[in-house]
Amino acid sequence: MTESVELWWARRQWSKGTPVPYAVGRYRGDWERYPVLIRQYHPDLNHGIVLSQVPPAADVYLLWECDAGHRFVATPDEQRSRPGGTRRRSAWCPDCAAGAVPRRIRRPEPDAGVHTCGHARDPRRIENDPDDDRCYLCRRLDRSGLSREALVTLAAPGSRVAVSAENGTAGRYSWQCAEGHPAYQATIEKILGGRRCPVCRHAAGGAALVPAGEAFLSRWAPRAASAAEPELKRRIGDRLDVDLGMNAVRVATPFYSHLEVWPDIVLPELRVAIEYDTVGRHGLEHVGPREASDRRKDRLLRAVGWEVVRVRCGKLLPIGPYDVSAGGVTDAVVDRIVERLEEIRGALFVSAYLR
């Protein structure tokens, strides 16, 4: 049961029989990866207990204060997981995050209930025909020359498609292609307009043309997040005679909406991916949920015969057996990467690619 920091600390004093159940600095290694949280935590707001005395898994309410002065209560786990999918610094504070989201202009809600045809009520009309009382969707289907059964086959031509209404979301449905990729959400209007399975659509751009475990050049790969990644690639190219022109690896299981992953550096001859990880400008990268995403990405690569070497900068701890801790891009870091490659593929094999 989650409790206040005063009660939590008093109970730990009683159970451990000491006035200081957790020494200062005991959990510093767990918190130093989160510089934003270190700034948000103030001992004077939490019964004089410093952050390095709080276990990351403690079920306790702590009081935090963001850089803008907002105060809010959250457990250590809630606060470490707060960034989610956004990259804004405001994600670390619930008040700042709410203020950063633009207000949506909502159109009038459709009438409650459904038409006699079974479709949800929608006040929009396509034609100014007072004698035609059909619903908006029925008119749209009629103009497209499609029956309900024909519509169901649109998500994957020639296959059966699961279509089910989402509770509480009028007009939205779950669609799943014949390949069994994760279901995606879309209105019937979007399907009529050409919306298809995002995994299949992205794979058609390159991943579907190569077997699982193959490296290739993908048009979906993002640009380098910082100047450090190209510099690391250049230094590795000076040491190893390998093809550094690939930017993606085909995986067997979808990674979000793609059948490919994009390591920072791809070594196809060695079947090794190299990642350069920092917490980023706002302390959001590679921590919390993003660390879980990194672990999933590594599992997908290992499942198709690849290995991963992550260069973990700053206070980021290693998450894989071959990770390298570093403070930046240096020749010494490249030497350690080469050592890891020799551990993975063997010194004799790697020496064949040394310049």
Protein backbone atom coordinates (compact mmCIF):
# COMPACT_ATOMS: atom_id res chain seq x y z
CA MET A 1 0.00 0.00 0.00
CA THR A 2 1.43 3.37 -1.01
CA GLU A 3 2.04 5.65 1.97
CA SER A 4 3.43 9.10 2.74
CA VAL A 5 7.16 9.53 3.04
CA GLU A 6 6.93 10.20 6.80
CA LEU A 7 5.04 6.97 7.50
CA TRP A 8 7.22 5.01 5.07
CA TRP A 9 10.42 6.21 6.75
CA ALA A 10 9.07 5.57 10.27
CA ARG A 11 8.06 2.03 9.32
CA ARG A 12 11.52 1.33 7.89
CA GLN A 13 13.11 2.68 11.08
CA TRP A 14 10.99 0.26 13.11
CA SER A 15 11.50 -2.79 10.86
CA LYS A 16 15.27 -2.30 10.58
CA GLY A 17 15.77 -1.15 14.18
CA THR A 18 17.90 1.85 13.24
CA PRO A 19 17.25 5.60 12.93
CA VAL A 20 18.76 5.60 9.40
CA PRO A 21 17.44 2.51 7.57
CA TYR A 22 19.04 3.56 4.25
CA ALA A 23 22.38 5.33 4.25
CA VAL A 24 22.88 8.47 2.19
CA GLY A 25 24.21 7.50 -1.21
CA ARG A 26 23.02 3.90 -1.13
CA TYR A 27 20.84 4.29 -4.23
CA ARG A 28 22.85 7.02 -5.95
CA GLY A 29 23.69 4.72 -8.85
CA ASP A 30 20.00 4.10 -9.55
CA TRP A 31 19.10 7.79 -9.60
CA GLU A 32 22.10 9.40 -11.28
CA ARG A 33 20.76 8.37 -14.70
CA TYR A 34 17.88 10.81 -14.15
CA PRO A 35 19.41 14.30 -13.83
CA VAL A 36 16.01 15.94 -14.26
CA LEU A 37 14.59 14.02 -11.29
CA ILE A 38 17.58 14.94 -9.18
CA ARG A 39 16.76 18.62 -9.80
CA GLN A 40 13.06 18.06 -9.07
CA TYR A 41 13.62 16.35 -5.74
CA HIS A 42 14.13 18.51 -2.62
CA PRO A 43 14.86 16.88 0.78
CA ASP A 44 13.22 19.79 2.63
CA LEU A 45 9.91 18.82 0.96
CA ASN A 46 10.30 15.15 1.89
CA HIS A 47 10.91 14.98 5.62
CA GLY A 48 14.65 15.64 5.18
CA ILE A 49 15.20 12.37 3.29
CA VAL A 50 17.60 12.68 0.36
CA LEU A 51 16.89 11.00 -2.96
CA SER A 52 19.81 8.57 -2.73
CA GLN A 53 18.15 7.11 0.40
CA VAL A 54 14.99 6.16 -1.51
CA PRO A 55 14.90 2.76 -3.30
CA PRO A 56 13.65 3.14 -6.89
CA ALA A 57 11.01 0.46 -6.25
CA ALA A 58 9.75 1.98 -2.99
CA ASP A 59 5.97 2.26 -2.80
CA VAL A 60 5.99 5.75 -1.31
CA TYR A 61 4.58 9.13 -2.23
CA LEU A 62 7.26 11.78 -2.74
CA LEU A 63 6.78 15.50 -3.32
CA TRP A 64 8.51 16.87 -6.41
CA GLU A 65 8.95 20.41 -7.71
CA CYS A 66 9.71 21.09 -11.39
CA ASP A 67 11.83 23.95 -12.75
CA ALA A 68 8.66 25.99 -13.31
CA GLY A 69 7.70 25.74 -9.62
CA HIS A 70 4.86 23.19 -9.95
CA ARG A 71 4.64 20.79 -7.02
CA PHE A 72 3.14 17.34 -7.44
CA VAL A 73 3.09 13.96 -5.71
CA ALA A 74 4.34 10.81 -7.40
CA THR A 75 5.99 7.52 -6.49
CA PRO A 76 9.56 6.82 -7.65
CA ASP A 77 8.31 4.38 -10.29
CA GLU A 78 5.71 6.83 -11.61
CA GLN A 79 8.25 9.60 -11.92
CA ARG A 80 10.91 7.45 -13.61
CA SER A 81 8.33 6.29 -16.17
CA ARG A 82 6.77 9.69 -16.80
CA PRO A 83 8.33 10.74 -20.16
CA GLY A 84 6.42 8.11 -22.15
CA GLY A 85 6.56 8.71 -25.89
CA THR A 86 7.13 12.47 -25.90
CA ARG A 87 10.50 14.17 -26.22
CA ARG A 88 9.56 17.45 -24.51
CA ARG A 89 11.20 18.36 -21.24
CA SER A 90 7.76 19.25 -19.91
CA ALA A 91 6.98 15.50 -19.82
CA TRP A 92 8.68 15.24 -16.41
CA CYS A 93 5.94 17.38 -14.78
CA PRO A 94 2.20 16.59 -15.11
CA ASP A 95 1.23 20.29 -14.97
CA CYS A 96 3.79 21.30 -17.60
CA ALA A 97 2.84 18.34 -19.78
CA ALA A 98 -0.84 19.30 -19.67
CA GLY A 99 -0.03 22.90 -20.56
CA ALA A 100 2.18 21.86 -23.49
CA VAL A 101 -0.63 19.97 -25.25
CA PRO A 102 -2.58 22.27 -27.59
CA ARG A 103 -6.30 22.34 -27.04
CA ARG A 104 -8.29 20.47 -29.62
CA ILE A 105 -11.24 22.11 -31.29
CA ARG A 106 -13.94 19.51 -31.12
CA ARG A 107 -16.86 19.38 -33.48
CA PRO A 108 -20.34 18.78 -32.05
CA GLU A 109 -20.80 15.29 -30.70
CA PRO A 110 -22.97 13.01 -32.84
CA ASP A 111 -26.41 12.06 -31.60
CA ALA A 112 -26.48 9.19 -29.15
CA GLY A 113 -27.54 5.77 -30.34
CA VAL A 114 -27.32 4.09 -33.73
CA HIS A 115 -29.18 4.17 -37.01
CA THR A 116 -31.48 1.35 -38.02
CA CYS A 117 -28.60 0.11 -40.22
CA GLY A 118 -26.48 -0.44 -37.11
CA HIS A 119 -23.91 2.31 -37.76
CA ALA A 120 -23.22 4.94 -35.11
CA ARG A 121 -25.17 8.18 -35.57
CA ASP A 122 -23.30 10.95 -37.35
CA PRO A 123 -24.87 14.38 -38.01
CA ARG A 124 -22.87 14.98 -41.21
CA ARG A 125 -24.59 14.73 -44.58
CA ILE A 126 -23.14 14.25 -48.05
CA GLU A 127 -26.11 15.41 -50.09
CA ASN A 128 -28.84 17.96 -49.47
CA ASP A 129 -31.63 15.46 -49.95
CA PRO A 130 -34.25 15.70 -47.18
CA ASP A 131 -35.97 12.54 -48.42
CA ASP A 132 -32.83 10.43 -47.95
CA ASP A 133 -32.59 9.52 -44.28
CA ARG A 134 -29.72 7.09 -44.64
CA CYS A 135 -26.74 7.55 -42.32
CA TYR A 136 -23.54 9.23 -43.41
CA LEU A 137 -21.61 5.95 -43.71
CA CYS A 138 -24.29 4.22 -45.76
CA ARG A 139 -24.24 7.08 -48.24
CA ARG A 140 -20.47 6.95 -48.38
CA LEU A 141 -20.51 3.21 -49.07
CA ASP A 142 -23.17 3.65 -51.72
CA ARG A 143 -21.14 6.33 -53.49
CA SER A 144 -18.09 4.04 -53.39
CA GLY A 145 -20.09 1.13 -54.79
CA LEU A 146 -19.13 -1.06 -51.83
CA SER A 147 -21.13 -3.39 -49.65
CA ARG A 148 -20.33 -3.98 -46.02
CA GLU A 149 -18.77 -7.34 -46.95
CA ALA A 150 -16.60 -5.73 -49.62
CA LEU A 151 -15.43 -3.12 -47.14
CA VAL A 152 -14.16 -5.78 -44.76
CA THR A 153 -11.74 -7.12 -47.39
CA LEU A 154 -10.15 -3.75 -48.04
CA ALA A 155 -7.52 -3.88 -45.29
CA ALA A 156 -5.86 -6.87 -46.98
CA PRO A 157 -7.20 -7.73 -50.45
CA GLY A 158 -8.29 -11.34 -50.76
CA SER A 159 -8.04 -12.11 -47.05
CA ARG A 160 -10.26 -12.14 -44.01
CA VAL A 161 -9.98 -9.07 -41.82
CA ALA A 162 -11.07 -8.80 -38.22
CA VAL A 163 -13.26 -5.74 -37.70
CA SER A 164 -14.68 -4.89 -34.29
CA ALA A 165 -16.05 -1.70 -32.81
CA GLU A 166 -13.94 -0.15 -30.06
CA ASN A 167 -15.79 0.51 -26.83
CA GLY A 168 -16.29 4.18 -26.21
CA THR A 169 -14.84 5.24 -29.57
CA ALA A 170 -17.62 5.90 -32.03
CA GLY A 171 -16.73 5.14 -35.59
CA ARG A 172 -13.29 3.63 -34.90
CA TYR A 173 -12.50 -0.01 -35.55
CA SER A 174 -9.65 -2.46 -35.09
CA TRP A 175 -8.23 -3.80 -38.34
CA GLN A 176 -5.75 -6.63 -38.74
CA CYS A 177 -4.10 -7.77 -41.95
CA ALA A 178 -3.71 -11.35 -43.14
CA GLU A 179 -0.03 -11.38 -42.08
CA GLY A 180 -1.08 -11.23 -38.42
CA HIS A 181 0.65 -7.92 -37.71
CA PRO A 182 -0.58 -5.96 -34.67
CA ALA A 183 -4.07 -4.54 -35.16
CA TYR A 184 -4.32 -0.87 -36.04
CA GLN A 185 -7.05 1.67 -35.40
CA ALA A 186 -8.87 3.45 -38.21
CA THR A 187 -12.32 4.71 -39.08
CA ILE A 188 -14.16 3.14 -41.98
CA GLU A 189 -13.75 6.44 -43.81
CA LYS A 190 -9.97 6.09 -43.54
CA ILE A 191 -10.15 2.55 -44.90
CA LEU A 192 -12.29 3.81 -47.79
CA GLY A 193 -9.65 6.46 -48.38
CA GLY A 194 -6.88 3.87 -48.68
CA ARG A 195 -5.59 3.34 -45.13
CA ARG A 196 -3.91 -0.08 -44.78
CA CYS A 197 -1.81 -1.99 -42.28
CA PRO A 198 1.12 0.32 -41.38
CA VAL A 199 3.54 -2.59 -40.95
CA CYS A 200 2.77 -3.93 -44.44
CA ARG A 201 2.92 -0.44 -45.92
CA HIS A 202 6.31 0.31 -44.38
CA ALA A 203 7.70 -3.14 -45.22
CA ALA A 204 6.85 -2.63 -48.88
CA GLY A 205 9.41 0.16 -48.88
CA GLY A 206 12.30 -2.27 -48.40
CA ALA A 207 12.02 -4.71 -45.48
CA ALA A 208 9.74 -7.08 -47.38
CA LEU A 209 12.40 -7.45 -50.09
CA VAL A 210 15.08 -8.95 -47.82
CA PRO A 211 15.07 -11.98 -45.46
CA ALA A 212 15.07 -11.62 -41.68
CA GLY A 213 18.54 -10.84 -40.36
CA GLU A 214 19.68 -9.05 -43.53
CA ALA A 215 21.10 -5.52 -43.42
CA PHE A 216 19.87 -3.06 -46.04
CA LEU A 217 19.47 0.62 -46.86
CA SER A 218 16.09 1.87 -45.62
CA ARG A 219 14.35 5.10 -46.54
CA TRP A 220 12.53 5.04 -43.20
CA ALA A 221 15.68 5.34 -41.07
CA PRO A 222 15.89 8.64 -39.17
CA ARG A 223 18.81 11.01 -39.31
CA ALA A 224 21.55 10.94 -36.69
CA ALA A 225 20.35 12.47 -33.43
CA SER A 226 23.68 14.19 -32.74
CA ALA A 227 27.09 14.86 -34.25
CA ALA A 228 28.63 12.20 -32.01
CA GLU A 229 27.12 9.28 -33.94
CA PRO A 230 28.63 10.23 -37.34
CA GLU A 231 31.95 10.89 -35.62
CA LEU A 232 31.90 7.45 -34.01
CA LYS A 233 31.04 5.89 -37.37
CA ARG A 234 33.96 7.74 -39.00
CA ARG A 235 36.42 6.50 -36.37
CA ILE A 236 35.17 2.93 -36.70
CA GLY A 237 35.52 3.20 -40.47
CA ASP A 238 39.15 4.24 -39.95
CA ARG A 239 39.77 1.08 -37.93
CA LEU A 240 37.65 -1.52 -39.75
CA ASP A 241 37.36 -2.23 -43.47
CA VAL A 242 33.59 -2.85 -43.45
CA ASP A 243 30.57 -1.56 -45.34
CA LEU A 244 29.06 1.29 -43.31
CA GLY A 245 26.46 2.21 -45.93
CA MET A 246 23.62 0.15 -44.44
CA ASN A 247 21.28 1.71 -41.89
CA ALA A 248 18.66 -0.97 -41.12
CA VAL A 249 18.31 -4.63 -40.18
CA ARG A 250 15.27 -6.72 -41.11
CA VAL A 251 13.72 -8.36 -38.03
CA ALA A 252 11.19 -11.16 -37.79
CA THR A 253 8.73 -9.44 -35.44
CA PRO A 254 7.39 -5.89 -35.91
CA PHE A 255 9.16 -3.20 -33.93
CA TYR A 256 6.27 -0.79 -33.44
CA SER A 257 5.00 -0.27 -37.02
CA HIS A 258 8.10 -1.51 -38.86
CA LEU A 259 9.69 -4.85 -39.71
CA GLU A 260 13.10 -3.25 -39.36
CA VAL A 261 15.24 -1.55 -36.75
CA TRP A 262 17.73 1.27 -37.28
CA PRO A 263 20.93 0.93 -35.26
CA ASP A 264 23.24 3.94 -35.18
CA ILE A 265 25.99 1.90 -36.86
CA VAL A 266 25.47 -1.36 -38.78
CA LEU A 267 28.36 -3.78 -39.35
CA PRO A 268 26.86 -6.33 -41.78
CA GLU A 269 30.05 -8.38 -42.18
CA LEU A 270 30.20 -9.00 -38.42
CA ARG A 271 26.41 -8.95 -37.89
CA VAL A 272 26.86 -6.50 -35.03
CA ALA A 273 24.89 -3.30 -34.36
CA ILE A 274 26.49 -0.42 -32.46
CA GLU A 275 24.38 2.09 -30.56
CA TYR A 276 25.48 5.40 -29.04
CA ASP A 277 23.29 6.26 -26.02
CA THR A 278 23.04 9.47 -23.99
CA VAL A 279 20.21 10.91 -21.91
CA GLY A 280 19.85 13.78 -24.38
CA ARG A 281 19.39 17.48 -23.84
CA HIS A 282 16.29 17.10 -21.65
CA GLY A 283 17.25 13.87 -19.88
CA LEU A 284 14.56 11.91 -21.75
CA GLU A 285 16.52 9.55 -23.97
CA HIS A 286 17.29 5.92 -23.05
CA VAL A 287 15.70 6.13 -19.58
CA GLY A 288 12.39 4.84 -18.22
CA PRO A 289 10.14 3.44 -20.98
CA ARG A 290 12.78 4.25 -23.61
CA GLU A 291 15.20 1.87 -21.92
CA ALA A 292 12.55 -0.85 -22.16
CA SER A 293 12.26 -0.06 -25.87
CA ASP A 294 16.05 -0.38 -26.25
CA ARG A 295 15.98 -3.78 -24.58
CA ARG A 296 13.20 -4.94 -26.89
CA LYS A 297 15.13 -3.72 -29.91
CA ASP A 298 18.20 -5.66 -28.76
CA ARG A 299 16.12 -8.83 -28.30
CA LEU A 300 14.76 -8.55 -31.84
CA LEU A 301 18.29 -8.20 -33.23
CA ARG A 302 19.60 -11.16 -31.27
CA ALA A 303 16.63 -13.24 -32.44
CA VAL A 304 17.86 -12.91 -36.05
CA GLY A 305 21.50 -13.70 -35.28
CA TRP A 306 22.86 -10.21 -34.54
CA GLU A 307 24.60 -8.88 -31.44
CA VAL A 308 24.51 -5.36 -30.01
CA VAL A 309 27.26 -3.18 -28.54
CA ARG A 310 25.94 -0.06 -26.81
CA VAL A 311 28.19 2.86 -25.93
CA ARG A 312 26.50 4.13 -22.77
CA CYS A 313 27.49 7.70 -21.92
CA GLY A 314 27.23 9.68 -18.72
CA LYS A 315 25.36 7.90 -15.95
CA LEU A 316 23.65 5.33 -18.17
CA LEU A 317 24.34 1.83 -16.92
CA PRO A 318 25.04 -1.10 -19.27
CA ILE A 319 21.97 -3.10 -20.28
CA GLY A 320 23.71 -5.75 -22.39
CA PRO A 321 26.66 -8.13 -21.96
CA TYR A 322 28.91 -6.21 -24.39
CA ASP A 323 28.03 -2.59 -23.55
CA VAL A 324 30.79 0.00 -23.14
CA SER A 325 30.64 2.87 -20.63
CA ALA A 326 32.11 6.11 -21.99
CA GLY A 327 32.14 9.87 -21.60
CA GLY A 328 32.23 10.66 -25.31
CA VAL A 329 33.68 9.62 -28.66
CA THR A 330 37.41 8.92 -28.36
CA ASP A 331 39.96 6.55 -29.87
CA ALA A 332 39.99 4.68 -26.54
CA VAL A 333 36.27 4.01 -26.90
CA VAL A 334 36.84 2.65 -30.41
CA ASP A 335 39.56 0.36 -29.02
CA ARG A 336 37.10 -1.01 -26.47
CA ILE A 337 34.47 -1.54 -29.19
CA VAL A 338 37.00 -3.55 -31.22
CA GLU A 339 37.70 -5.63 -28.12
CA ARG A 340 33.98 -6.31 -27.75
CA LEU A 341 33.78 -7.33 -31.42
CA GLU A 342 36.61 -9.80 -30.83
CA GLU A 343 34.72 -11.23 -27.85
CA ILE A 344 31.59 -11.64 -29.96
CA ARG A 345 32.98 -12.97 -33.26
CA GLY A 346 36.50 -14.01 -32.33
CA ALA A 347 39.81 -12.17 -32.60
CA LEU A 348 40.92 -14.07 -35.70
CA PHE A 349 37.74 -13.21 -37.60
CA VAL A 350 37.76 -9.54 -36.61
CA SER A 351 41.46 -9.17 -37.44
CA ALA A 352 40.61 -9.87 -41.09
CA TYR A 353 38.76 -6.52 -41.21
CA LEU A 354 41.32 -4.40 -39.33
CA ARG A 355 42.98 -1.73 -41.44
